[in-house]
Amino acid sequence: MPKTVLTWTWEEAFQKFGFNDGNQTQTWRVKAALQAAGYVCDDMSGWHNTVLVALSAEVAVWDQGLCDDVDDDAKLRASLPPEVVALLDRAFPAALVIEDE
């Protein structure tokens, strides 16, 4: 069976066209890391990528309305709480490669 090699960043879990327009979605991995850290994640599925649209802990900490362009990694990162960015940077180093068989 051929291997599939995916190169991605966690920011794609927040982007409509992330993960090759949803064809290789890894949003579930990002959501699982956030949930393991105690966050509640709201996501939305559509014709493209499944995207994370809101995060909360004890109180709401982020929703898409806080970022004017989630497709711009720098703007997305700036809109998220620093502890969320640090958590996801640790869990998913830049250009993470996953090989599935």
N, C-alpha and C. Protein backbone atom coordinates (compact mmCIF):
# COMPACT_ATOMS: atom_id res chain seq x y z
N MET A 1 0.85 -1.18 0.00
CA MET A 1 0.00 0.00 0.00
C MET A 1 0.90 1.24 0.00
N PRO A 2 0.61 2.25 -0.84
CA PRO A 2 1.44 3.46 -0.90
C PRO A 2 1.28 4.32 0.35
N LYS A 3 2.35 5.04 0.67
CA LYS A 3 2.32 5.95 1.81
C LYS A 3 1.82 7.31 1.36
N THR A 4 1.12 7.99 2.26
CA THR A 4 0.71 9.36 2.05
C THR A 4 1.49 10.22 3.02
N VAL A 5 2.18 11.22 2.52
CA VAL A 5 2.95 12.12 3.36
C VAL A 5 2.25 13.48 3.36
N LEU A 6 1.88 13.94 4.55
CA LEU A 6 1.20 15.22 4.70
C LEU A 6 2.12 16.19 5.41
N THR A 7 2.27 17.37 4.87
CA THR A 7 3.02 18.44 5.52
C THR A 7 2.03 19.55 5.80
N TRP A 8 1.91 19.94 7.10
CA TRP A 8 0.88 20.90 7.46
C TRP A 8 1.26 21.66 8.71
N THR A 9 0.50 22.72 8.98
CA THR A 9 0.65 23.49 10.21
C THR A 9 -0.70 23.56 10.91
N TRP A 10 -0.68 23.76 12.22
CA TRP A 10 -1.93 23.76 12.99
C TRP A 10 -2.86 24.89 12.60
N GLU A 11 -2.33 25.97 12.08
CA GLU A 11 -3.17 27.10 11.67
C GLU A 11 -4.22 26.70 10.64
N GLU A 12 -3.93 25.67 9.86
CA GLU A 12 -4.87 25.22 8.83
C GLU A 12 -6.19 24.71 9.41
N ALA A 13 -6.20 24.34 10.69
CA ALA A 13 -7.44 23.87 11.32
C ALA A 13 -8.45 25.00 11.49
N PHE A 14 -8.02 26.24 11.32
CA PHE A 14 -8.89 27.40 11.46
C PHE A 14 -9.26 28.01 10.11
N GLN A 15 -8.76 27.41 9.01
CA GLN A 15 -8.88 28.02 7.69
C GLN A 15 -9.77 27.19 6.76
N LYS A 16 -10.69 27.89 6.09
CA LYS A 16 -11.64 27.24 5.19
C LYS A 16 -10.94 26.38 4.13
N PHE A 17 -9.84 26.87 3.60
CA PHE A 17 -9.15 26.13 2.54
C PHE A 17 -7.93 25.37 3.05
N GLY A 18 -7.81 25.24 4.39
CA GLY A 18 -6.68 24.52 4.98
C GLY A 18 -6.69 23.04 4.64
N PHE A 19 -5.55 22.42 4.84
CA PHE A 19 -5.38 20.99 4.59
C PHE A 19 -5.82 20.60 3.18
N ASN A 20 -5.26 21.33 2.22
CA ASN A 20 -5.55 21.05 0.81
C ASN A 20 -7.05 21.12 0.55
N ASP A 21 -7.65 22.23 1.00
CA ASP A 21 -9.09 22.48 0.82
C ASP A 21 -9.94 21.39 1.47
N GLY A 22 -9.43 20.83 2.57
CA GLY A 22 -10.18 19.82 3.30
C GLY A 22 -9.97 18.40 2.82
N ASN A 23 -9.20 18.23 1.77
CA ASN A 23 -8.98 16.88 1.23
C ASN A 23 -8.07 16.03 2.11
N GLN A 24 -7.27 16.67 2.96
CA GLN A 24 -6.36 15.95 3.85
C GLN A 24 -6.49 16.52 5.26
N THR A 25 -7.69 16.72 5.72
CA THR A 25 -7.91 17.42 6.97
C THR A 25 -7.27 16.73 8.17
N GLN A 26 -6.68 17.54 9.01
CA GLN A 26 -6.08 17.10 10.26
C GLN A 26 -6.67 17.92 11.42
N THR A 27 -7.78 18.60 11.15
CA THR A 27 -8.42 19.43 12.18
C THR A 27 -8.69 18.61 13.43
N TRP A 28 -9.04 17.38 13.29
CA TRP A 28 -9.33 16.52 14.44
C TRP A 28 -8.13 16.40 15.37
N ARG A 29 -6.92 16.41 14.83
CA ARG A 29 -5.71 16.31 15.67
C ARG A 29 -5.54 17.58 16.51
N VAL A 30 -5.76 18.73 15.87
CA VAL A 30 -5.63 20.01 16.57
C VAL A 30 -6.72 20.12 17.63
N LYS A 31 -7.93 19.73 17.29
CA LYS A 31 -9.04 19.76 18.24
C LYS A 31 -8.75 18.85 19.43
N ALA A 32 -8.22 17.68 19.19
CA ALA A 32 -7.91 16.74 20.27
C ALA A 32 -6.85 17.31 21.22
N ALA A 33 -5.84 17.99 20.67
CA ALA A 33 -4.80 18.60 21.52
C ALA A 33 -5.39 19.69 22.39
N LEU A 34 -6.27 20.50 21.82
CA LEU A 34 -6.92 21.56 22.59
C LEU A 34 -7.84 20.97 23.66
N GLN A 35 -8.60 19.95 23.31
CA GLN A 35 -9.50 19.32 24.28
C GLN A 35 -8.72 18.67 25.43
N ALA A 36 -7.58 18.07 25.11
CA ALA A 36 -6.75 17.46 26.15
C ALA A 36 -6.23 18.51 27.13
N ALA A 37 -6.10 19.75 26.67
CA ALA A 37 -5.65 20.85 27.53
C ALA A 37 -6.82 21.54 28.23
N GLY A 38 -8.04 21.03 28.05
CA GLY A 38 -9.19 21.56 28.76
C GLY A 38 -10.05 22.55 28.00
N TYR A 39 -9.77 22.73 26.72
CA TYR A 39 -10.58 23.66 25.92
C TYR A 39 -11.77 22.94 25.30
N VAL A 40 -12.85 23.66 25.16
CA VAL A 40 -14.01 23.19 24.40
C VAL A 40 -13.89 23.82 23.03
N CYS A 41 -14.01 23.03 21.99
CA CYS A 41 -13.82 23.50 20.63
C CYS A 41 -15.11 23.35 19.84
N ASP A 42 -15.51 24.42 19.20
CA ASP A 42 -16.63 24.36 18.27
C ASP A 42 -16.06 24.33 16.86
N ASP A 43 -16.54 23.40 16.05
CA ASP A 43 -16.08 23.35 14.67
C ASP A 43 -17.26 23.40 13.72
N MET A 44 -16.95 23.62 12.46
CA MET A 44 -17.97 23.71 11.43
C MET A 44 -17.46 22.98 10.20
N SER A 45 -18.28 22.10 9.68
CA SER A 45 -17.94 21.38 8.45
C SER A 45 -18.70 21.99 7.29
N GLY A 46 -18.08 22.00 6.16
CA GLY A 46 -18.73 22.52 4.97
C GLY A 46 -18.21 21.79 3.75
N TRP A 47 -18.24 22.45 2.64
CA TRP A 47 -17.75 21.85 1.40
C TRP A 47 -16.24 21.84 1.34
N HIS A 48 -15.62 22.52 2.26
CA HIS A 48 -14.17 22.62 2.28
C HIS A 48 -13.67 21.96 3.56
N ASN A 49 -12.66 22.53 4.17
CA ASN A 49 -12.07 22.02 5.39
C ASN A 49 -13.03 22.15 6.58
N THR A 50 -12.96 21.20 7.51
CA THR A 50 -13.62 21.36 8.81
C THR A 50 -12.78 22.36 9.59
N VAL A 51 -13.40 23.45 10.04
CA VAL A 51 -12.64 24.52 10.69
C VAL A 51 -13.08 24.70 12.14
N LEU A 52 -12.11 25.06 12.98
CA LEU A 52 -12.41 25.43 14.35
C LEU A 52 -12.90 26.87 14.33
N VAL A 53 -14.05 27.11 14.93
CA VAL A 53 -14.65 28.45 14.87
C VAL A 53 -14.74 29.12 16.23
N ALA A 54 -14.56 28.36 17.32
CA ALA A 54 -14.61 28.97 18.65
C ALA A 54 -13.90 28.06 19.65
N LEU A 55 -13.27 28.68 20.64
CA LEU A 55 -12.61 27.97 21.74
C LEU A 55 -13.09 28.56 23.05
N SER A 56 -13.26 27.71 24.04
CA SER A 56 -13.59 28.21 25.36
C SER A 56 -12.98 27.30 26.42
N ALA A 57 -12.78 27.88 27.57
CA ALA A 57 -12.32 27.13 28.75
C ALA A 57 -13.37 27.38 29.81
N GLU A 58 -13.05 28.14 30.83
CA GLU A 58 -14.07 28.55 31.80
C GLU A 58 -14.99 29.60 31.16
N VAL A 59 -14.42 30.41 30.30
CA VAL A 59 -15.16 31.43 29.56
C VAL A 59 -14.70 31.36 28.11
N ALA A 60 -15.44 31.99 27.23
CA ALA A 60 -15.02 32.01 25.82
C ALA A 60 -13.67 32.70 25.70
N VAL A 61 -12.76 32.09 24.96
CA VAL A 61 -11.43 32.68 24.79
C VAL A 61 -11.15 33.12 23.36
N TRP A 62 -11.93 32.62 22.40
CA TRP A 62 -11.68 32.99 21.01
C TRP A 62 -12.88 32.60 20.16
N ASP A 63 -13.19 33.42 19.17
CA ASP A 63 -14.09 33.02 18.10
C ASP A 63 -13.65 33.74 16.83
N GLN A 64 -14.14 33.28 15.71
CA GLN A 64 -13.67 33.79 14.42
C GLN A 64 -13.86 35.29 14.27
N GLY A 65 -14.83 35.87 14.98
CA GLY A 65 -15.06 37.31 14.89
C GLY A 65 -13.90 38.13 15.42
N LEU A 66 -12.98 37.52 16.16
CA LEU A 66 -11.82 38.23 16.69
C LEU A 66 -10.68 38.36 15.68
N CYS A 67 -10.81 37.69 14.55
CA CYS A 67 -9.76 37.73 13.53
C CYS A 67 -10.38 38.13 12.20
N ASP A 68 -9.86 39.20 11.62
CA ASP A 68 -10.44 39.67 10.36
C ASP A 68 -9.99 38.87 9.14
N ASP A 69 -9.02 37.96 9.31
CA ASP A 69 -8.56 37.14 8.19
C ASP A 69 -7.89 35.88 8.71
N VAL A 70 -8.69 34.83 8.98
CA VAL A 70 -8.12 33.60 9.53
C VAL A 70 -7.22 32.88 8.54
N ASP A 71 -7.29 33.25 7.26
CA ASP A 71 -6.41 32.63 6.26
C ASP A 71 -5.01 33.22 6.28
N ASP A 72 -4.80 34.28 7.03
CA ASP A 72 -3.48 34.89 7.21
C ASP A 72 -2.92 34.37 8.54
N ASP A 73 -1.91 33.50 8.47
CA ASP A 73 -1.39 32.87 9.68
C ASP A 73 -1.00 33.88 10.76
N ALA A 74 -0.35 34.97 10.38
CA ALA A 74 0.10 35.96 11.36
C ALA A 74 -1.09 36.61 12.06
N LYS A 75 -2.12 36.95 11.32
CA LYS A 75 -3.31 37.56 11.93
C LYS A 75 -4.04 36.55 12.81
N LEU A 76 -4.13 35.31 12.37
CA LEU A 76 -4.77 34.27 13.17
C LEU A 76 -4.03 34.11 14.49
N ARG A 77 -2.70 33.96 14.42
CA ARG A 77 -1.89 33.77 15.62
C ARG A 77 -2.03 34.96 16.57
N ALA A 78 -2.08 36.18 16.03
CA ALA A 78 -2.21 37.37 16.87
C ALA A 78 -3.57 37.45 17.55
N SER A 79 -4.60 36.84 16.94
CA SER A 79 -5.94 36.91 17.51
C SER A 79 -6.18 35.87 18.60
N LEU A 80 -5.41 34.81 18.60
CA LEU A 80 -5.57 33.75 19.59
C LEU A 80 -4.84 34.11 20.89
N PRO A 81 -5.34 33.63 22.03
CA PRO A 81 -4.61 33.86 23.28
C PRO A 81 -3.20 33.26 23.20
N PRO A 82 -2.21 33.94 23.76
CA PRO A 82 -0.82 33.45 23.68
C PRO A 82 -0.65 32.02 24.20
N GLU A 83 -1.41 31.64 25.23
CA GLU A 83 -1.27 30.28 25.76
C GLU A 83 -1.77 29.23 24.77
N VAL A 84 -2.75 29.58 23.94
CA VAL A 84 -3.24 28.66 22.91
C VAL A 84 -2.19 28.51 21.81
N VAL A 85 -1.61 29.62 21.38
CA VAL A 85 -0.55 29.56 20.36
C VAL A 85 0.62 28.72 20.87
N ALA A 86 1.05 28.94 22.11
CA ALA A 86 2.17 28.19 22.68
C ALA A 86 1.84 26.70 22.75
N LEU A 87 0.63 26.36 23.19
CA LEU A 87 0.20 24.97 23.27
C LEU A 87 0.26 24.30 21.91
N LEU A 88 -0.29 24.95 20.89
CA LEU A 88 -0.34 24.36 19.56
C LEU A 88 1.04 24.33 18.90
N ASP A 89 1.88 25.32 19.16
CA ASP A 89 3.25 25.28 18.64
C ASP A 89 4.03 24.09 19.21
N ARG A 90 3.81 23.81 20.50
CA ARG A 90 4.48 22.65 21.12
C ARG A 90 3.93 21.33 20.58
N ALA A 91 2.61 21.26 20.45
CA ALA A 91 1.98 20.01 20.00
C ALA A 91 2.21 19.72 18.52
N PHE A 92 2.31 20.79 17.73
CA PHE A 92 2.43 20.64 16.28
C PHE A 92 3.53 21.56 15.76
N PRO A 93 4.78 21.09 15.78
CA PRO A 93 5.87 21.91 15.27
C PRO A 93 5.62 22.31 13.81
N ALA A 94 6.18 23.43 13.41
CA ALA A 94 5.99 23.94 12.04
C ALA A 94 6.26 22.85 11.01
N ALA A 95 5.41 22.84 10.01
CA ALA A 95 5.54 21.89 8.89
C ALA A 95 5.61 20.44 9.38
N LEU A 96 4.68 20.08 10.24
CA LEU A 96 4.60 18.73 10.74
C LEU A 96 4.35 17.77 9.58
N VAL A 97 5.07 16.67 9.58
CA VAL A 97 4.91 15.67 8.53
C VAL A 97 4.35 14.39 9.16
N ILE A 98 3.30 13.90 8.59
CA ILE A 98 2.70 12.65 9.06
C ILE A 98 2.69 11.68 7.89
N GLU A 99 3.17 10.49 8.15
CA GLU A 99 3.16 9.46 7.12
C GLU A 99 2.13 8.41 7.50
N ASP A 100 1.15 8.26 6.66
CA ASP A 100 0.12 7.23 6.86
C ASP A 100 0.31 6.13 5.83
N GLU A 101 0.06 4.93 6.26
CA GLU A 101 0.13 3.82 5.31
C GLU A 101 -1.26 3.37 4.97
